[in-house]
Amino acid sequence: MAKILVADDDGYIRNIIRTMLEEHEVIEAENGQEALRLYEESGPDLVLMDTMMPDMNGIEATRRILELDPDAKVLMVTAFASSKKEEMLDAGVKEVIPKPLRMDDLLKKLGKYIE
């Protein structure tokens, strides 16, 4: 069982992801600032990060998490997969997963980074 931080400002999306990842421990953040704080406090195995969030967007939150922990595994879950992919990868995300989410795609990508 992995500890996964899910950062998305949409509670419905967080709930869907929590359901898809029911065999793992899921920690939820509503924005990038909260994601950064929860990353420091809980040291998750993996982060699923939305791009567009209030207070701090996912790209900035990813950069800051990687400053804290260069080995952090951050996957971007986003509706902006095509338009912002290069910027996301430059920020250090391992994978870009497009919304709407498909459970099989999400689990396959997660499988590369967690046992």
N, C-alpha and C. Protein backbone atom coordinates (compact mmCIF):
# COMPACT_ATOMS: atom_id res chain seq x y z
N MET A 1 0.84 -1.18 0.00
CA MET A 1 0.00 0.00 0.00
C MET A 1 0.89 1.25 0.00
N ALA A 2 0.60 2.15 -0.93
CA ALA A 2 1.36 3.39 -1.03
C ALA A 2 0.58 4.55 -0.41
N LYS A 3 1.32 5.57 -0.01
CA LYS A 3 0.71 6.80 0.47
C LYS A 3 0.75 7.79 -0.70
N ILE A 4 -0.44 8.23 -1.13
CA ILE A 4 -0.55 9.08 -2.31
C ILE A 4 -1.23 10.40 -1.94
N LEU A 5 -0.58 11.49 -2.27
CA LEU A 5 -1.14 12.82 -2.07
C LEU A 5 -1.86 13.23 -3.36
N VAL A 6 -3.14 13.55 -3.23
CA VAL A 6 -3.95 13.99 -4.37
C VAL A 6 -4.26 15.46 -4.17
N ALA A 7 -3.76 16.30 -5.08
CA ALA A 7 -3.99 17.74 -5.00
C ALA A 7 -4.86 18.18 -6.17
N ASP A 8 -6.09 18.57 -5.86
CA ASP A 8 -7.03 19.04 -6.88
C ASP A 8 -8.05 19.92 -6.17
N ASP A 9 -8.38 21.06 -6.75
CA ASP A 9 -9.34 21.96 -6.11
C ASP A 9 -10.78 21.47 -6.25
N ASP A 10 -11.02 20.47 -7.08
CA ASP A 10 -12.36 19.92 -7.29
C ASP A 10 -12.56 18.69 -6.40
N GLY A 11 -13.43 18.84 -5.39
CA GLY A 11 -13.70 17.74 -4.47
C GLY A 11 -14.25 16.50 -5.15
N TYR A 12 -15.01 16.68 -6.22
CA TYR A 12 -15.56 15.55 -6.97
C TYR A 12 -14.43 14.74 -7.60
N ILE A 13 -13.45 15.42 -8.20
CA ILE A 13 -12.30 14.73 -8.79
C ILE A 13 -11.50 14.00 -7.72
N ARG A 14 -11.27 14.68 -6.58
CA ARG A 14 -10.53 14.02 -5.49
C ARG A 14 -11.26 12.76 -5.04
N ASN A 15 -12.58 12.82 -4.96
CA ASN A 15 -13.37 11.65 -4.55
C ASN A 15 -13.25 10.51 -5.57
N ILE A 16 -13.30 10.84 -6.85
CA ILE A 16 -13.15 9.81 -7.89
C ILE A 16 -11.78 9.14 -7.77
N ILE A 17 -10.73 9.94 -7.63
CA ILE A 17 -9.39 9.39 -7.52
C ILE A 17 -9.26 8.55 -6.25
N ARG A 18 -9.81 9.03 -5.13
CA ARG A 18 -9.79 8.26 -3.88
C ARG A 18 -10.44 6.90 -4.09
N THR A 19 -11.56 6.86 -4.80
CA THR A 19 -12.27 5.60 -5.08
C THR A 19 -11.41 4.69 -5.96
N MET A 20 -10.77 5.26 -6.98
CA MET A 20 -9.91 4.47 -7.87
C MET A 20 -8.71 3.88 -7.11
N LEU A 21 -8.27 4.59 -6.08
CA LEU A 21 -7.07 4.18 -5.35
C LEU A 21 -7.40 3.63 -3.97
N GLU A 22 -8.54 2.96 -3.85
CA GLU A 22 -9.02 2.52 -2.55
C GLU A 22 -8.06 1.60 -1.80
N GLU A 23 -7.15 0.94 -2.51
CA GLU A 23 -6.20 0.05 -1.83
C GLU A 23 -4.99 0.80 -1.27
N HIS A 24 -4.92 2.10 -1.53
CA HIS A 24 -3.81 2.91 -1.05
C HIS A 24 -4.30 3.93 -0.02
N GLU A 25 -3.35 4.49 0.73
CA GLU A 25 -3.66 5.58 1.64
C GLU A 25 -3.64 6.88 0.83
N VAL A 26 -4.76 7.59 0.83
CA VAL A 26 -4.88 8.81 0.04
C VAL A 26 -4.98 10.01 0.98
N ILE A 27 -4.15 11.01 0.73
CA ILE A 27 -4.16 12.28 1.45
C ILE A 27 -4.62 13.32 0.44
N GLU A 28 -5.52 14.23 0.84
CA GLU A 28 -6.08 15.18 -0.11
C GLU A 28 -5.70 16.62 0.20
N ALA A 29 -5.41 17.36 -0.87
CA ALA A 29 -5.13 18.80 -0.77
C ALA A 29 -6.02 19.53 -1.78
N GLU A 30 -6.50 20.72 -1.38
CA GLU A 30 -7.39 21.50 -2.23
C GLU A 30 -6.66 22.52 -3.11
N ASN A 31 -5.38 22.74 -2.84
CA ASN A 31 -4.62 23.70 -3.64
C ASN A 31 -3.13 23.38 -3.52
N GLY A 32 -2.33 24.09 -4.29
CA GLY A 32 -0.89 23.83 -4.30
C GLY A 32 -0.21 24.13 -2.98
N GLN A 33 -0.65 25.19 -2.31
CA GLN A 33 -0.06 25.56 -1.01
C GLN A 33 -0.28 24.44 0.01
N GLU A 34 -1.51 23.92 0.04
CA GLU A 34 -1.83 22.82 0.96
C GLU A 34 -1.06 21.55 0.57
N ALA A 35 -0.91 21.33 -0.73
CA ALA A 35 -0.16 20.15 -1.20
C ALA A 35 1.28 20.21 -0.71
N LEU A 36 1.88 21.39 -0.80
CA LEU A 36 3.25 21.56 -0.34
C LEU A 36 3.37 21.28 1.15
N ARG A 37 2.44 21.83 1.93
CA ARG A 37 2.45 21.61 3.38
C ARG A 37 2.26 20.13 3.71
N LEU A 38 1.29 19.49 3.06
CA LEU A 38 1.02 18.07 3.34
C LEU A 38 2.17 17.18 2.87
N TYR A 39 2.85 17.58 1.80
CA TYR A 39 4.02 16.81 1.36
C TYR A 39 5.09 16.82 2.45
N GLU A 40 5.35 18.00 2.99
CA GLU A 40 6.35 18.13 4.06
C GLU A 40 5.96 17.33 5.29
N GLU A 41 4.69 17.35 5.65
CA GLU A 41 4.22 16.68 6.87
C GLU A 41 4.15 15.18 6.73
N SER A 42 3.73 14.69 5.57
CA SER A 42 3.42 13.25 5.48
C SER A 42 4.36 12.44 4.61
N GLY A 43 5.20 13.10 3.79
CA GLY A 43 6.15 12.36 2.97
C GLY A 43 5.53 11.26 2.14
N PRO A 44 4.58 11.59 1.25
CA PRO A 44 3.92 10.55 0.46
C PRO A 44 4.88 9.89 -0.53
N ASP A 45 4.49 8.71 -0.99
CA ASP A 45 5.27 7.98 -1.99
C ASP A 45 5.13 8.58 -3.38
N LEU A 46 3.98 9.24 -3.60
CA LEU A 46 3.65 9.75 -4.93
C LEU A 46 2.67 10.91 -4.78
N VAL A 47 2.72 11.85 -5.72
CA VAL A 47 1.79 12.98 -5.74
C VAL A 47 1.05 12.99 -7.07
N LEU A 48 -0.28 13.09 -7.00
CA LEU A 48 -1.09 13.34 -8.19
C LEU A 48 -1.53 14.79 -8.10
N MET A 49 -1.08 15.62 -9.03
CA MET A 49 -1.25 17.07 -8.94
C MET A 49 -2.07 17.59 -10.10
N ASP A 50 -3.10 18.39 -9.78
CA ASP A 50 -3.84 19.12 -10.80
C ASP A 50 -3.01 20.34 -11.21
N THR A 51 -3.29 20.89 -12.38
CA THR A 51 -2.55 22.06 -12.84
C THR A 51 -3.15 23.36 -12.31
N MET A 52 -4.41 23.58 -12.60
CA MET A 52 -5.05 24.86 -12.28
C MET A 52 -5.75 24.76 -10.92
N MET A 53 -5.16 25.43 -9.92
CA MET A 53 -5.72 25.46 -8.57
C MET A 53 -5.51 26.85 -8.00
N PRO A 54 -6.35 27.25 -7.03
CA PRO A 54 -6.15 28.56 -6.39
C PRO A 54 -4.94 28.56 -5.46
N ASP A 55 -4.51 29.73 -5.08
CA ASP A 55 -3.40 29.97 -4.14
C ASP A 55 -2.04 29.65 -4.73
N MET A 56 -1.87 28.46 -5.27
CA MET A 56 -0.62 28.09 -5.94
C MET A 56 -0.97 27.01 -6.96
N ASN A 57 -0.61 27.24 -8.22
CA ASN A 57 -0.96 26.23 -9.23
C ASN A 57 -0.07 24.99 -9.10
N GLY A 58 -0.45 23.95 -9.80
CA GLY A 58 0.25 22.68 -9.69
C GLY A 58 1.67 22.70 -10.19
N ILE A 59 1.95 23.53 -11.18
CA ILE A 59 3.31 23.60 -11.71
C ILE A 59 4.25 24.21 -10.67
N GLU A 60 3.82 25.30 -10.04
CA GLU A 60 4.64 25.93 -9.00
C GLU A 60 4.78 25.00 -7.79
N ALA A 61 3.68 24.35 -7.40
CA ALA A 61 3.73 23.41 -6.27
C ALA A 61 4.71 22.27 -6.56
N THR A 62 4.71 21.78 -7.80
CA THR A 62 5.64 20.72 -8.20
C THR A 62 7.08 21.19 -8.05
N ARG A 63 7.36 22.38 -8.55
CA ARG A 63 8.73 22.92 -8.43
C ARG A 63 9.17 22.99 -6.96
N ARG A 64 8.27 23.47 -6.11
CA ARG A 64 8.62 23.63 -4.70
C ARG A 64 8.79 22.28 -3.99
N ILE A 65 7.95 21.32 -4.34
CA ILE A 65 8.09 19.97 -3.76
C ILE A 65 9.43 19.39 -4.17
N LEU A 66 9.81 19.56 -5.42
CA LEU A 66 11.09 19.02 -5.90
C LEU A 66 12.29 19.75 -5.31
N GLU A 67 12.12 21.01 -4.91
CA GLU A 67 13.19 21.71 -4.18
C GLU A 67 13.39 21.07 -2.81
N LEU A 68 12.28 20.68 -2.17
CA LEU A 68 12.34 20.01 -0.86
C LEU A 68 12.90 18.60 -0.98
N ASP A 69 12.45 17.90 -2.03
CA ASP A 69 12.78 16.49 -2.20
C ASP A 69 13.00 16.21 -3.69
N PRO A 70 14.25 16.27 -4.15
CA PRO A 70 14.53 16.04 -5.57
C PRO A 70 14.09 14.67 -6.08
N ASP A 71 13.85 13.71 -5.18
CA ASP A 71 13.42 12.38 -5.58
C ASP A 71 11.90 12.22 -5.60
N ALA A 72 11.16 13.30 -5.32
CA ALA A 72 9.69 13.22 -5.29
C ALA A 72 9.16 12.77 -6.64
N LYS A 73 8.10 11.97 -6.59
CA LYS A 73 7.44 11.49 -7.80
C LYS A 73 6.12 12.23 -7.93
N VAL A 74 6.06 13.16 -8.88
CA VAL A 74 4.85 13.95 -9.10
C VAL A 74 4.31 13.64 -10.48
N LEU A 75 3.03 13.26 -10.54
CA LEU A 75 2.34 13.03 -11.80
C LEU A 75 1.26 14.10 -11.91
N MET A 76 1.18 14.76 -13.05
CA MET A 76 0.21 15.83 -13.27
C MET A 76 -1.04 15.23 -13.88
N VAL A 77 -2.17 15.46 -13.23
CA VAL A 77 -3.47 15.02 -13.72
C VAL A 77 -4.19 16.29 -14.16
N THR A 78 -4.41 16.45 -15.47
CA THR A 78 -4.82 17.76 -15.96
C THR A 78 -5.67 17.72 -17.22
N ALA A 79 -6.51 18.72 -17.34
CA ALA A 79 -7.27 18.93 -18.57
C ALA A 79 -6.42 19.67 -19.60
N PHE A 80 -5.25 20.16 -19.18
CA PHE A 80 -4.36 20.92 -20.06
C PHE A 80 -3.17 20.09 -20.52
N ALA A 81 -3.38 18.79 -20.69
CA ALA A 81 -2.28 17.87 -21.02
C ALA A 81 -1.56 18.26 -22.30
N SER A 82 -2.29 18.70 -23.31
CA SER A 82 -1.63 19.01 -24.57
C SER A 82 -1.02 20.41 -24.57
N SER A 83 -1.72 21.39 -24.03
CA SER A 83 -1.24 22.77 -24.13
C SER A 83 -0.11 23.12 -23.16
N LYS A 84 -0.02 22.45 -22.03
CA LYS A 84 0.98 22.81 -21.03
C LYS A 84 1.96 21.67 -20.72
N LYS A 85 1.93 20.61 -21.52
CA LYS A 85 2.75 19.44 -21.22
C LYS A 85 4.24 19.76 -21.08
N GLU A 86 4.78 20.55 -22.00
CA GLU A 86 6.20 20.86 -21.95
C GLU A 86 6.56 21.62 -20.67
N GLU A 87 5.71 22.58 -20.29
CA GLU A 87 5.94 23.34 -19.06
C GLU A 87 5.89 22.43 -17.83
N MET A 88 4.97 21.47 -17.84
CA MET A 88 4.84 20.52 -16.73
C MET A 88 6.09 19.64 -16.61
N LEU A 89 6.54 19.13 -17.75
CA LEU A 89 7.73 18.27 -17.74
C LEU A 89 8.97 19.06 -17.33
N ASP A 90 9.05 20.31 -17.79
CA ASP A 90 10.17 21.18 -17.38
C ASP A 90 10.17 21.41 -15.87
N ALA A 91 8.98 21.45 -15.27
CA ALA A 91 8.86 21.65 -13.82
C ALA A 91 9.30 20.40 -13.04
N GLY A 92 9.36 19.25 -13.73
CA GLY A 92 9.84 18.04 -13.08
C GLY A 92 8.83 16.92 -12.90
N VAL A 93 7.62 17.06 -13.47
CA VAL A 93 6.66 15.97 -13.33
C VAL A 93 7.15 14.75 -14.09
N LYS A 94 6.83 13.57 -13.57
CA LYS A 94 7.26 12.32 -14.20
C LYS A 94 6.35 11.93 -15.36
N GLU A 95 5.05 12.21 -15.21
CA GLU A 95 4.05 11.82 -16.21
C GLU A 95 2.98 12.90 -16.25
N VAL A 96 2.34 13.03 -17.40
CA VAL A 96 1.17 13.89 -17.54
C VAL A 96 0.00 12.98 -17.90
N ILE A 97 -1.01 12.99 -17.05
CA ILE A 97 -2.18 12.13 -17.22
C ILE A 97 -3.37 13.03 -17.57
N PRO A 98 -3.95 12.86 -18.77
CA PRO A 98 -5.04 13.74 -19.18
C PRO A 98 -6.36 13.45 -18.46
N LYS A 99 -7.12 14.52 -18.23
CA LYS A 99 -8.50 14.40 -17.78
C LYS A 99 -9.35 14.45 -19.04
N PRO A 100 -10.49 13.75 -19.10
CA PRO A 100 -11.04 12.95 -18.01
C PRO A 100 -10.22 11.69 -17.76
N LEU A 101 -10.16 11.33 -16.49
CA LEU A 101 -9.36 10.18 -16.06
C LEU A 101 -9.98 8.87 -16.49
N ARG A 102 -9.12 7.95 -16.86
CA ARG A 102 -9.54 6.57 -17.09
C ARG A 102 -8.81 5.72 -16.06
N MET A 103 -9.56 4.93 -15.33
CA MET A 103 -8.99 4.16 -14.22
C MET A 103 -7.83 3.28 -14.67
N ASP A 104 -7.98 2.58 -15.80
CA ASP A 104 -6.91 1.68 -16.25
C ASP A 104 -5.65 2.47 -16.58
N ASP A 105 -5.79 3.64 -17.19
CA ASP A 105 -4.64 4.47 -17.53
C ASP A 105 -3.96 4.98 -16.26
N LEU A 106 -4.76 5.46 -15.32
CA LEU A 106 -4.21 5.97 -14.06
C LEU A 106 -3.44 4.87 -13.32
N LEU A 107 -4.04 3.70 -13.17
CA LEU A 107 -3.39 2.62 -12.43
C LEU A 107 -2.12 2.12 -13.14
N LYS A 108 -2.15 2.10 -14.47
CA LYS A 108 -0.96 1.69 -15.22
C LYS A 108 0.19 2.67 -14.99
N LYS A 109 -0.10 3.98 -15.05
CA LYS A 109 0.95 4.98 -14.85
C LYS A 109 1.46 4.94 -13.40
N LEU A 110 0.55 4.77 -12.44
CA LEU A 110 0.97 4.70 -11.03
C LEU A 110 1.86 3.49 -10.81
N GLY A 111 1.54 2.40 -11.48
CA GLY A 111 2.30 1.16 -11.32
C GLY A 111 3.78 1.30 -11.64
N LYS A 112 4.13 2.27 -12.46
CA LYS A 112 5.53 2.50 -12.79
C LYS A 112 6.32 3.05 -11.58
N TYR A 113 5.59 3.68 -10.66
CA TYR A 113 6.27 4.42 -9.58
C TYR A 113 6.04 3.86 -8.18
N ILE A 114 5.06 2.97 -8.03
CA ILE A 114 4.81 2.37 -6.72
C ILE A 114 4.65 0.87 -6.90
N GLU A 115 4.93 0.15 -5.81
CA GLU A 115 4.78 -1.31 -5.87
C GLU A 115 3.33 -1.68 -5.66
